[in-house]
């Protein structure tokens, strides 16, 4: 399934997957802190962690935006009986 994406995007998938794993792990503490120990989010997540999260999210957003823009600019208009799916045209069944 990943083969349908351009090489430049496929090359970044492992990095995006790593970022997703890191950001998912830190999401709850960033929102709620350390509830059991009565710690605030600021006590649990450092400024460096926050800056890293922003950087990772921006990089992923920019890659996905570039991918969608690439398909948007190349895709022919959708003909009757077909539908769009992330820049790819599929026949309806």
Foldseek 3Di string as FASTA:
>chain_A
DLVVADPVLSVCVVVLVVLVVLCVVLVVCCCANPVVVPGHSPRVADPVNVVVNVVSVVVVVVSLVVRLVVLVVPADDADPQWDDDSSDIDGDD
